[in-house]
Amino acid sequence: MLRFLPSWAPEKLPGSKTAPTPGSFPEAQEEKKTRRGGCLLQKKRSHAHSVTWPCPLATPTALVDEDDKIVGGYTCRRNSVPYQVSLNIGYHICGGSLIHDQWVLSAAHCFKSILSVKLGAYNIRNPEGDEQIIRAEKIIVHPSYNSWLLDHDIMLIKLVKPAELSKSVAPITLGYGCPAVGTYCLVSGWGNTLSEGVNYPDFLQCLYAPILSDEECKAAYPGQISENMVCVGYLEGGKDSCQGDSGGPVACDGFLQGIVSWGVGCALPGYPGVYTKVCKYVDWIHETIAAN
């Protein structure tokens, strides 16, 4: 599942996630990989549930595919994730990471031709005074991005003006070396908190989860894992990123090492979350920023 809001979601409802627009991904792929973007109708591996109301207004008992927030995590401390941003098209569709006062890193599958970035948010639905909303000047998707395989699922966003740095808005450093297997990393976002059902959080959610080995990752998703992907999570299930978390950060020892990308369902046993491996793209990131 891609972990991001449907094109039909009402533009005035904040707190939603985004997902692939109908027809943008073949049926066979949707059953395998779901972007972890927004509150939309999505398919898990063998079934789908219909949604007849805007996701932010969903009732807990409604039969829907729940993929909107971090599952099994906790509410982050205020200002503890100052690099976390929200990609916005009138409502939240994806997460992202501030890596420079004028640049944000996110997932390529979160691309929209017109975007704004909300920085300094904690309560995604109710502004608290620390937020900054800045329009995107340029959106640069990795030239090798493959929407079928979700390989090279990474993009850069240049803001029209630098963000004002503060205790609630600060960039995260890129890690040149890749993190070791077993390293516990911080995943954050405003995605669905349930693996069965729907619960959209107001406040930013956090989860510590370990880097899994390439062998474990490839065993979970045979033939689907490239050298640019890394699995983070628990093979026993219960804790995971989910829809609405797409594009958000994975921070290991204070360095940005992952981008929420896709998975099968959310927090299901045997299916950890799959993330873009940021350490593979540090040179591309620096070269792109320097050229723009």
C-alpha atoms as a PDB file:
ATOM      1  CA  MET A   1       0.000   0.000   0.000  1.00  0.00           C
ATOM      2  CA  LEU A   2       1.248   3.400  -0.850  1.00  0.00           C
ATOM      3  CA  ARG A   3       1.100   5.360   2.349  1.00  0.00           C
ATOM      4  CA  PHE A   4      -0.645   8.657   1.096  1.00  0.00           C
ATOM      5  CA  LEU A   5      -5.445  11.248  -0.040  1.00  0.00           C
ATOM      6  CA  PRO A   6      -7.866  10.510  -2.737  1.00  0.00           C
ATOM      7  CA  SER A   7      -8.440  12.971  -5.509  1.00  0.00           C
ATOM      8  CA  TRP A   8     -12.095  13.112  -4.511  1.00  0.00           C
ATOM      9  CA  ALA A   9     -11.433  14.126  -0.924  1.00  0.00           C
ATOM     10  CA  PRO A  10     -12.897  17.554  -0.040  1.00  0.00           C
ATOM     11  CA  GLU A  11     -10.202  20.216  -0.235  1.00  0.00           C
ATOM     12  CA  LYS A  12     -11.265  21.925   2.974  1.00  0.00           C
ATOM     13  CA  LEU A  13     -10.871  18.921   5.231  1.00  0.00           C
ATOM     14  CA  PRO A  14      -7.474  18.860   6.908  1.00  0.00           C
ATOM     15  CA  GLY A  15      -5.895  15.765   8.344  1.00  0.00           C
ATOM     16  CA  SER A  16      -6.489  13.503   5.348  1.00  0.00           C
ATOM     17  CA  LYS A  17      -3.956  11.408   3.541  1.00  0.00           C
ATOM     18  CA  THR A  18      -3.417  10.960  -0.134  1.00  0.00           C
ATOM     19  CA  ALA A  19      -3.496   7.881  -2.285  1.00  0.00           C
ATOM     20  CA  PRO A  20      -3.070   7.039  -5.932  1.00  0.00           C
ATOM     21  CA  THR A  21      -5.755   8.575  -8.091  1.00  0.00           C
ATOM     22  CA  PRO A  22      -8.073   6.008  -9.710  1.00  0.00           C
ATOM     23  CA  GLY A  23      -6.460   4.373 -12.709  1.00  0.00           C
ATOM     24  CA  SER A  24      -2.937   5.563 -11.974  1.00  0.00           C
ATOM     25  CA  PHE A  25      -1.814   2.113 -10.865  1.00  0.00           C
ATOM     26  CA  PRO A  26      -2.782  -1.216 -12.416  1.00  0.00           C
ATOM     27  CA  GLU A  27      -5.082  -3.381 -10.340  1.00  0.00           C
ATOM     28  CA  ALA A  28      -2.448  -6.050  -9.863  1.00  0.00           C
ATOM     29  CA  GLN A  29      -0.051  -3.558  -8.344  1.00  0.00           C
ATOM     30  CA  GLU A  30      -2.618  -2.005  -6.020  1.00  0.00           C
ATOM     31  CA  GLU A  31      -3.220  -5.399  -4.457  1.00  0.00           C
ATOM     32  CA  LYS A  32       0.465  -5.723  -3.675  1.00  0.00           C
ATOM     33  CA  LYS A  33       1.680  -2.236  -2.898  1.00  0.00           C
ATOM     34  CA  THR A  34      -0.296   0.544  -1.329  1.00  0.00           C
ATOM     35  CA  ARG A  35       1.170   3.997  -1.018  1.00  0.00           C
ATOM     36  CA  ARG A  36       0.989   5.216   2.511  1.00  0.00           C
ATOM     37  CA  GLY A  37      -0.474   8.573   1.584  1.00  0.00           C
ATOM     38  CA  GLY A  38      -3.964   9.620   2.431  1.00  0.00           C
ATOM     39  CA  CYS A  39      -7.469   8.729   3.333  1.00  0.00           C
ATOM     40  CA  LEU A  40      -8.743   7.038   0.263  1.00  0.00           C
ATOM     41  CA  LEU A  41     -10.268   3.825  -0.830  1.00  0.00           C
ATOM     42  CA  GLN A  42      -7.432   1.349  -1.026  1.00  0.00           C
ATOM     43  CA  LYS A  43      -6.990  -2.355  -1.458  1.00  0.00           C
ATOM     44  CA  LYS A  44      -5.251  -4.648   0.909  1.00  0.00           C
ATOM     45  CA  ARG A  45      -3.920  -7.922  -0.356  1.00  0.00           C
ATOM     46  CA  SER A  46      -7.178  -9.776  -0.860  1.00  0.00           C
ATOM     47  CA  HIS A  47     -10.025  -7.404  -0.197  1.00  0.00           C
ATOM     48  CA  ALA A  48     -11.203  -3.826  -0.394  1.00  0.00           C
ATOM     49  CA  HIS A  49     -13.816  -1.883   1.515  1.00  0.00           C
ATOM     50  CA  SER A  50     -15.863   0.914   0.032  1.00  0.00           C
ATOM     51  CA  VAL A  51     -15.940   4.422   1.437  1.00  0.00           C
ATOM     52  CA  THR A  52     -19.015   6.562   0.917  1.00  0.00           C
ATOM     53  CA  TRP A  53     -18.015   9.546   3.055  1.00  0.00           C
ATOM     54  CA  PRO A  54     -14.934  11.771   3.282  1.00  0.00           C
ATOM     55  CA  CYS A  55     -12.329   9.923   5.327  1.00  0.00           C
ATOM     56  CA  PRO A  56     -11.797  12.630   7.974  1.00  0.00           C
ATOM     57  CA  LEU A  57     -15.464  12.242   8.918  1.00  0.00           C
ATOM     58  CA  ALA A  58     -15.360   8.465   9.115  1.00  0.00           C
ATOM     59  CA  THR A  59     -16.887   6.668  12.045  1.00  0.00           C
ATOM     60  CA  PRO A  60     -14.847   4.008  13.858  1.00  0.00           C
ATOM     61  CA  THR A  61     -17.337   1.305  12.947  1.00  0.00           C
ATOM     62  CA  ALA A  62     -17.286   2.004   9.219  1.00  0.00           C
ATOM     63  CA  LEU A  63     -15.904  -0.739   7.002  1.00  0.00           C
ATOM     64  CA  VAL A  64     -12.911   0.940   5.415  1.00  0.00           C
ATOM     65  CA  ASP A  65      -9.335   0.147   4.600  1.00  0.00           C
ATOM     66  CA  GLU A  66      -7.382   1.836   7.349  1.00  0.00           C
ATOM     67  CA  ASP A  67      -4.033   3.182   6.317  1.00  0.00           C
ATOM     68  CA  ASP A  68      -3.883   6.710   7.559  1.00  0.00           C
ATOM     69  CA  LYS A  69      -1.520   7.045  10.470  1.00  0.00           C
ATOM     70  CA  ILE A  70       1.193   5.431  12.491  1.00  0.00           C
ATOM     71  CA  VAL A  71      -0.085   2.182  14.022  1.00  0.00           C
ATOM     72  CA  GLY A  72       1.109   1.154  17.484  1.00  0.00           C
ATOM     73  CA  GLY A  73       2.966   4.386  18.163  1.00  0.00           C
ATOM     74  CA  TYR A  74       2.512   7.269  20.578  1.00  0.00           C
ATOM     75  CA  THR A  75       1.870  11.008  20.470  1.00  0.00           C
ATOM     76  CA  CYS A  76       5.184  12.777  19.885  1.00  0.00           C
ATOM     77  CA  ARG A  77       6.360  15.417  22.335  1.00  0.00           C
ATOM     78  CA  ARG A  78       5.715  18.913  21.033  1.00  0.00           C
ATOM     79  CA  ASN A  79       8.693  20.240  19.019  1.00  0.00           C
ATOM     80  CA  SER A  80      10.481  16.876  19.226  1.00  0.00           C
ATOM     81  CA  VAL A  81      10.317  16.370  15.435  1.00  0.00           C
ATOM     82  CA  PRO A  82      10.924  19.928  14.118  1.00  0.00           C
ATOM     83  CA  TYR A  83      11.906  18.658  10.659  1.00  0.00           C
ATOM     84  CA  GLN A  84       8.503  16.995  10.080  1.00  0.00           C
ATOM     85  CA  VAL A  85       6.354  18.790   7.506  1.00  0.00           C
ATOM     86  CA  SER A  86       2.951  18.244   5.916  1.00  0.00           C
ATOM     87  CA  LEU A  87       2.436  18.421   2.152  1.00  0.00           C
ATOM     88  CA  ASN A  88      -0.795  20.247   1.569  1.00  0.00           C
ATOM     89  CA  ILE A  89      -3.237  20.771  -1.309  1.00  0.00           C
ATOM     90  CA  GLY A  90      -5.935  22.330   0.855  1.00  0.00           C
ATOM     91  CA  TYR A  91      -5.637  19.355   3.193  1.00  0.00           C
ATOM     92  CA  HIS A  92      -2.815  17.078   4.349  1.00  0.00           C
ATOM     93  CA  ILE A  93      -1.790  14.480   1.775  1.00  0.00           C
ATOM     94  CA  CYS A  94       1.711  13.362   2.771  1.00  0.00           C
ATOM     95  CA  GLY A  95       4.561  13.954   5.130  1.00  0.00           C
ATOM     96  CA  GLY A  96       8.025  15.238   4.347  1.00  0.00           C
ATOM     97  CA  SER A  97      11.291  16.324   5.940  1.00  0.00           C
ATOM     98  CA  LEU A  98      12.902  19.754   6.038  1.00  0.00           C
ATOM     99  CA  ILE A  99      16.560  19.206   5.078  1.00  0.00           C
ATOM    100  CA  HIS A 100      17.532  22.861   4.407  1.00  0.00           C
ATOM    101  CA  ASP A 101      15.754  26.101   5.201  1.00  0.00           C
ATOM    102  CA  GLN A 102      14.389  26.129   1.634  1.00  0.00           C
ATOM    103  CA  TRP A 103      14.236  22.424   0.717  1.00  0.00           C
ATOM    104  CA  VAL A 104      11.991  19.502   1.679  1.00  0.00           C
ATOM    105  CA  LEU A 105      12.475  15.798   0.925  1.00  0.00           C
ATOM    106  CA  SER A 106       9.472  13.523   0.382  1.00  0.00           C
ATOM    107  CA  ALA A 107       8.259  10.515  -1.635  1.00  0.00           C
ATOM    108  CA  ALA A 108       7.859  10.815  -5.406  1.00  0.00           C
ATOM    109  CA  HIS A 109       4.454   9.132  -5.248  1.00  0.00           C
ATOM    110  CA  CYS A 110       3.238  12.175  -3.277  1.00  0.00           C
ATOM    111  CA  PHE A 111       3.805  14.418  -6.311  1.00  0.00           C
ATOM    112  CA  LYS A 112       1.218  17.074  -7.125  1.00  0.00           C
ATOM    113  CA  SER A 113       1.852  19.849  -9.630  1.00  0.00           C
ATOM    114  CA  ILE A 114       0.821  22.469  -7.062  1.00  0.00           C
ATOM    115  CA  LEU A 115       1.776  22.007  -3.424  1.00  0.00           C
ATOM    116  CA  SER A 116       2.177  23.964  -0.230  1.00  0.00           C
ATOM    117  CA  VAL A 117       4.265  22.841   2.698  1.00  0.00           C
ATOM    118  CA  LYS A 118       3.120  23.265   6.279  1.00  0.00           C
ATOM    119  CA  LEU A 119       6.003  23.489   8.747  1.00  0.00           C
ATOM    120  CA  GLY A 120       5.929  23.610  12.536  1.00  0.00           C
ATOM    121  CA  ALA A 121       2.612  21.764  12.811  1.00  0.00           C
ATOM    122  CA  TYR A 122       1.793  19.568  15.788  1.00  0.00           C
ATOM    123  CA  ASN A 123      -2.005  19.510  15.789  1.00  0.00           C
ATOM    124  CA  ILE A 124      -2.694  18.976  12.091  1.00  0.00           C
ATOM    125  CA  ARG A 125      -6.346  20.030  12.294  1.00  0.00           C
ATOM    126  CA  ASN A 126      -6.229  23.031  14.593  1.00  0.00           C
ATOM    127  CA  PRO A 127      -3.525  25.694  14.043  1.00  0.00           C
ATOM    128  CA  GLU A 128      -1.676  26.624  17.209  1.00  0.00           C
ATOM    129  CA  GLY A 129       0.342  29.626  16.040  1.00  0.00           C
ATOM    130  CA  ASP A 130       3.727  28.038  15.266  1.00  0.00           C
ATOM    131  CA  GLU A 131       2.865  26.895  11.764  1.00  0.00           C
ATOM    132  CA  GLN A 132       4.309  28.278   8.546  1.00  0.00           C
ATOM    133  CA  ILE A 133       2.700  27.546   5.186  1.00  0.00           C
ATOM    134  CA  ILE A 134       5.001  28.085   2.216  1.00  0.00           C
ATOM    135  CA  ARG A 135       4.258  27.361  -1.434  1.00  0.00           C
ATOM    136  CA  ALA A 136       6.474  25.086  -3.487  1.00  0.00           C
ATOM    137  CA  GLU A 137       8.541  26.861  -6.131  1.00  0.00           C
ATOM    138  CA  LYS A 138       9.947  23.696  -7.714  1.00  0.00           C
ATOM    139  CA  ILE A 139       9.073  20.024  -7.332  1.00  0.00           C
ATOM    140  CA  ILE A 140      11.785  17.684  -8.579  1.00  0.00           C
ATOM    141  CA  VAL A 141      10.991  13.979  -8.837  1.00  0.00           C
ATOM    142  CA  HIS A 142      13.961  11.622  -9.112  1.00  0.00           C
ATOM    143  CA  PRO A 143      14.599  11.046 -12.842  1.00  0.00           C
ATOM    144  CA  SER A 144      14.584   7.265 -12.396  1.00  0.00           C
ATOM    145  CA  TYR A 145      11.368   7.086 -10.347  1.00  0.00           C
ATOM    146  CA  ASN A 146       9.322   4.040 -11.342  1.00  0.00           C
ATOM    147  CA  SER A 147       5.684   4.310 -10.296  1.00  0.00           C
ATOM    148  CA  TRP A 148       5.062   0.627 -11.062  1.00  0.00           C
ATOM    149  CA  LEU A 149       7.886  -0.729  -8.916  1.00  0.00           C
ATOM    150  CA  LEU A 150       7.947   2.271  -6.561  1.00  0.00           C
ATOM    151  CA  ASP A 151      11.699   2.342  -7.041  1.00  0.00           C
ATOM    152  CA  HIS A 152      13.563   5.645  -6.538  1.00  0.00           C
ATOM    153  CA  ASP A 153      10.500   6.893  -4.621  1.00  0.00           C
ATOM    154  CA  ILE A 154      12.001  10.245  -3.706  1.00  0.00           C
ATOM    155  CA  MET A 155      11.493  13.914  -4.616  1.00  0.00           C
ATOM    156  CA  LEU A 156      12.777  17.325  -3.620  1.00  0.00           C
ATOM    157  CA  ILE A 157      10.628  20.399  -3.059  1.00  0.00           C
ATOM    158  CA  LYS A 158      12.098  23.897  -3.190  1.00  0.00           C
ATOM    159  CA  LEU A 159      10.111  26.448  -1.197  1.00  0.00           C
ATOM    160  CA  VAL A 160       9.404  29.905  -2.624  1.00  0.00           C
ATOM    161  CA  LYS A 161      11.160  31.384   0.391  1.00  0.00           C
ATOM    162  CA  PRO A 162      13.281  30.059   3.255  1.00  0.00           C
ATOM    163  CA  ALA A 163      11.491  28.791   6.331  1.00  0.00           C
ATOM    164  CA  GLU A 164      11.965  30.738   9.542  1.00  0.00           C
ATOM    165  CA  LEU A 165      13.860  28.374  11.806  1.00  0.00           C
ATOM    166  CA  SER A 166      12.726  28.008  15.411  1.00  0.00           C
ATOM    167  CA  LYS A 167      12.222  25.385  18.112  1.00  0.00           C
ATOM    168  CA  SER A 168       9.336  23.983  16.052  1.00  0.00           C
ATOM    169  CA  VAL A 169      10.954  24.292  12.593  1.00  0.00           C
ATOM    170  CA  ALA A 170      14.472  22.970  12.017  1.00  0.00           C
ATOM    171  CA  PRO A 171      16.168  20.869   9.315  1.00  0.00           C
ATOM    172  CA  ILE A 172      17.449  17.338   9.806  1.00  0.00           C
ATOM    173  CA  THR A 173      20.900  16.243   8.637  1.00  0.00           C
ATOM    174  CA  LEU A 174      21.298  13.646   5.898  1.00  0.00           C
ATOM    175  CA  GLY A 175      23.226  10.518   6.797  1.00  0.00           C
ATOM    176  CA  TYR A 176      25.998   9.587   4.351  1.00  0.00           C
ATOM    177  CA  GLY A 177      26.404   6.062   5.664  1.00  0.00           C
ATOM    178  CA  CYS A 178      23.491   3.627   5.719  1.00  0.00           C
ATOM    179  CA  PRO A 179      22.259   2.577   9.184  1.00  0.00           C
ATOM    180  CA  ALA A 180      23.175  -0.823  10.580  1.00  0.00           C
ATOM    181  CA  VAL A 181      20.630  -3.615  10.792  1.00  0.00           C
ATOM    182  CA  GLY A 182      18.900  -3.507  14.170  1.00  0.00           C
ATOM    183  CA  THR A 183      19.251   0.261  14.583  1.00  0.00           C
ATOM    184  CA  TYR A 184      16.096   1.699  16.124  1.00  0.00           C
ATOM    185  CA  CYS A 185      14.800   4.674  14.186  1.00  0.00           C
ATOM    186  CA  LEU A 186      12.053   7.237  14.699  1.00  0.00           C
ATOM    187  CA  VAL A 187       9.144   7.202  12.232  1.00  0.00           C
ATOM    188  CA  SER A 188       6.591  10.025  12.460  1.00  0.00           C
ATOM    189  CA  GLY A 189       3.420  11.224  10.766  1.00  0.00           C
ATOM    190  CA  TRP A 190      -0.288  11.998  10.909  1.00  0.00           C
ATOM    191  CA  GLY A 191      -1.411   8.757   9.243  1.00  0.00           C
ATOM    192  CA  ASN A 192      -4.023   6.227  10.308  1.00  0.00           C
ATOM    193  CA  THR A 193      -3.409   4.674  13.701  1.00  0.00           C
ATOM    194  CA  LEU A 194      -5.429   1.507  13.117  1.00  0.00           C
ATOM    195  CA  SER A 195      -4.661  -1.598  11.086  1.00  0.00           C
ATOM    196  CA  GLU A 196      -8.353  -2.470  11.080  1.00  0.00           C
ATOM    197  CA  GLY A 197     -10.572   0.598  11.035  1.00  0.00           C
ATOM    198  CA  VAL A 198      -9.947   4.322  10.809  1.00  0.00           C
ATOM    199  CA  ASN A 199      -8.596   6.766  13.349  1.00  0.00           C
ATOM    200  CA  TYR A 200      -7.077  10.012  12.162  1.00  0.00           C
ATOM    201  CA  PRO A 201      -4.984  11.660  14.868  1.00  0.00           C
ATOM    202  CA  ASP A 202      -4.946  15.370  15.518  1.00  0.00           C
ATOM    203  CA  PHE A 203      -1.431  15.269  16.948  1.00  0.00           C
ATOM    204  CA  LEU A 204       1.790  14.072  15.352  1.00  0.00           C
ATOM    205  CA  GLN A 205       2.483  10.401  16.063  1.00  0.00           C
ATOM    206  CA  CYS A 206       5.848   8.738  16.644  1.00  0.00           C
ATOM    207  CA  LEU A 207       7.130   5.164  16.548  1.00  0.00           C
ATOM    208  CA  TYR A 208      10.535   3.627  17.185  1.00  0.00           C
ATOM    209  CA  ALA A 209      11.188   0.655  14.912  1.00  0.00           C
ATOM    210  CA  PRO A 210      14.285  -1.328  13.885  1.00  0.00           C
ATOM    211  CA  ILE A 211      16.045  -1.513  10.532  1.00  0.00           C
ATOM    212  CA  LEU A 212      15.511  -5.021   9.149  1.00  0.00           C
ATOM    213  CA  SER A 213      18.053  -6.961   7.122  1.00  0.00           C
ATOM    214  CA  ASP A 214      17.865  -7.123   3.329  1.00  0.00           C
ATOM    215  CA  GLU A 215      17.225 -10.854   3.671  1.00  0.00           C
ATOM    216  CA  GLU A 216      14.202 -10.298   5.925  1.00  0.00           C
ATOM    217  CA  CYS A 217      12.886  -7.555   3.655  1.00  0.00           C
ATOM    218  CA  LYS A 218      13.210  -9.617   0.470  1.00  0.00           C
ATOM    219  CA  ALA A 219      11.643 -12.649   2.151  1.00  0.00           C
ATOM    220  CA  ALA A 220       8.608 -10.538   3.063  1.00  0.00           C
ATOM    221  CA  TYR A 221       8.304  -9.118  -0.469  1.00  0.00           C
ATOM    222  CA  PRO A 222       9.883 -11.574  -2.949  1.00  0.00           C
ATOM    223  CA  GLY A 223      11.013  -9.890  -6.150  1.00  0.00           C
ATOM    224  CA  GLN A 224       9.823  -6.438  -5.087  1.00  0.00           C
ATOM    225  CA  ILE A 225      12.723  -4.993  -3.081  1.00  0.00           C
ATOM    226  CA  SER A 226      15.455  -3.025  -4.841  1.00  0.00           C
ATOM    227  CA  GLU A 227      18.772  -1.827  -3.463  1.00  0.00           C
ATOM    228  CA  ASN A 228      17.112   1.567  -2.955  1.00  0.00           C
ATOM    229  CA  MET A 229      14.587   0.248  -0.429  1.00  0.00           C
ATOM    230  CA  VAL A 230      14.829  -0.741   3.211  1.00  0.00           C
ATOM    231  CA  CYS A 231      12.330  -2.420   5.526  1.00  0.00           C
ATOM    232  CA  VAL A 232      11.763  -0.878   8.937  1.00  0.00           C
ATOM    233  CA  GLY A 233       9.437  -2.396  11.489  1.00  0.00           C
ATOM    234  CA  TYR A 234       8.351  -5.557  13.242  1.00  0.00           C
ATOM    235  CA  LEU A 235       7.851  -8.876  11.459  1.00  0.00           C
ATOM    236  CA  GLU A 236       5.345  -9.857  14.139  1.00  0.00           C
ATOM    237  CA  GLY A 237       3.208  -6.871  13.150  1.00  0.00           C
ATOM    238  CA  GLY A 238       1.355  -4.452  15.416  1.00  0.00           C
ATOM    239  CA  LYS A 239       3.521  -1.376  14.778  1.00  0.00           C
ATOM    240  CA  ASP A 240       3.952   0.352  11.432  1.00  0.00           C
ATOM    241  CA  SER A 241       3.487   3.481   9.366  1.00  0.00           C
ATOM    242  CA  CYS A 242       0.227   3.695   7.454  1.00  0.00           C
ATOM    243  CA  GLN A 243      -1.759   5.785   4.968  1.00  0.00           C
ATOM    244  CA  GLY A 244      -1.135   9.480   5.385  1.00  0.00           C
ATOM    245  CA  ASP A 245       2.408   8.862   6.574  1.00  0.00           C
ATOM    246  CA  SER A 246       3.784   8.645   3.014  1.00  0.00           C
ATOM    247  CA  GLY A 247       6.796  10.821   2.355  1.00  0.00           C
ATOM    248  CA  GLY A 248       7.501  11.234   6.044  1.00  0.00           C
ATOM    249  CA  PRO A 249      10.828  10.753   7.810  1.00  0.00           C
ATOM    250  CA  VAL A 250      12.728   7.853   9.295  1.00  0.00           C
ATOM    251  CA  ALA A 251      15.401   9.326  11.572  1.00  0.00           C
ATOM    252  CA  CYS A 252      18.201   7.121  12.898  1.00  0.00           C
ATOM    253  CA  ASP A 253      20.568   8.542  15.508  1.00  0.00           C
ATOM    254  CA  GLY A 254      19.544  12.040  14.442  1.00  0.00           C
ATOM    255  CA  PHE A 255      20.111  11.516  10.702  1.00  0.00           C
ATOM    256  CA  LEU A 256      17.473  11.203   7.983  1.00  0.00           C
ATOM    257  CA  GLN A 257      17.745   7.649   6.653  1.00  0.00           C
ATOM    258  CA  GLY A 258      14.336   6.765   5.245  1.00  0.00           C
ATOM    259  CA  ILE A 259      11.181   8.021   3.528  1.00  0.00           C
ATOM    260  CA  VAL A 260       7.823   6.321   4.124  1.00  0.00           C
ATOM    261  CA  SER A 261       6.961   4.611   0.828  1.00  0.00           C
ATOM    262  CA  TRP A 262       4.759   1.494   0.726  1.00  0.00           C
ATOM    263  CA  GLY A 263       3.690  -1.760   2.310  1.00  0.00           C
ATOM    264  CA  VAL A 264       0.995  -4.431   2.314  1.00  0.00           C
ATOM    265  CA  GLY A 265      -1.745  -3.230   4.624  1.00  0.00           C
ATOM    266  CA  CYS A 266      -0.456  -1.677   7.836  1.00  0.00           C
ATOM    267  CA  ALA A 267       1.126  -3.453  10.807  1.00  0.00           C
ATOM    268  CA  LEU A 268       0.245  -6.893   9.417  1.00  0.00           C
ATOM    269  CA  PRO A 269       2.403  -9.845  10.563  1.00  0.00           C
ATOM    270  CA  GLY A 270       5.053 -10.664   7.986  1.00  0.00           C
ATOM    271  CA  TYR A 271       4.677  -7.387   6.075  1.00  0.00           C
ATOM    272  CA  PRO A 272       6.891  -4.602   7.455  1.00  0.00           C
ATOM    273  CA  GLY A 273       6.848  -1.105   6.006  1.00  0.00           C
ATOM    274  CA  VAL A 274       9.093  -0.394   3.033  1.00  0.00           C
ATOM    275  CA  TYR A 275      11.031   2.869   2.892  1.00  0.00           C
ATOM    276  CA  THR A 276      13.206   4.718   0.408  1.00  0.00           C
ATOM    277  CA  LYS A 277      16.844   4.333   1.481  1.00  0.00           C
ATOM    278  CA  VAL A 278      17.996   7.966   1.749  1.00  0.00           C
ATOM    279  CA  CYS A 279      21.704   7.120   2.085  1.00  0.00           C
ATOM    280  CA  LYS A 280      21.632   6.041  -1.569  1.00  0.00           C
ATOM    281  CA  TYR A 281      20.591   9.528  -2.679  1.00  0.00           C
ATOM    282  CA  VAL A 282      22.770  11.958  -0.731  1.00  0.00           C
ATOM    283  CA  ASP A 283      24.881  12.887  -3.762  1.00  0.00           C
ATOM    284  CA  TRP A 284      21.774  13.366  -5.938  1.00  0.00           C
ATOM    285  CA  ILE A 285      20.179  15.538  -3.260  1.00  0.00           C
ATOM    286  CA  HIS A 286      23.224  17.797  -2.909  1.00  0.00           C
ATOM    287  CA  GLU A 287      23.748  18.049  -6.672  1.00  0.00           C
ATOM    288  CA  THR A 288      20.085  18.871  -7.287  1.00  0.00           C
ATOM    289  CA  ILE A 289      19.999  21.563  -4.626  1.00  0.00           C
ATOM    290  CA  ALA A 290      23.221  23.102  -5.962  1.00  0.00           C
ATOM    291  CA  ALA A 291      21.807  23.191  -9.506  1.00  0.00           C
ATOM    292  CA  ASN A 292      18.530  24.797  -8.476  1.00  0.00           C
END
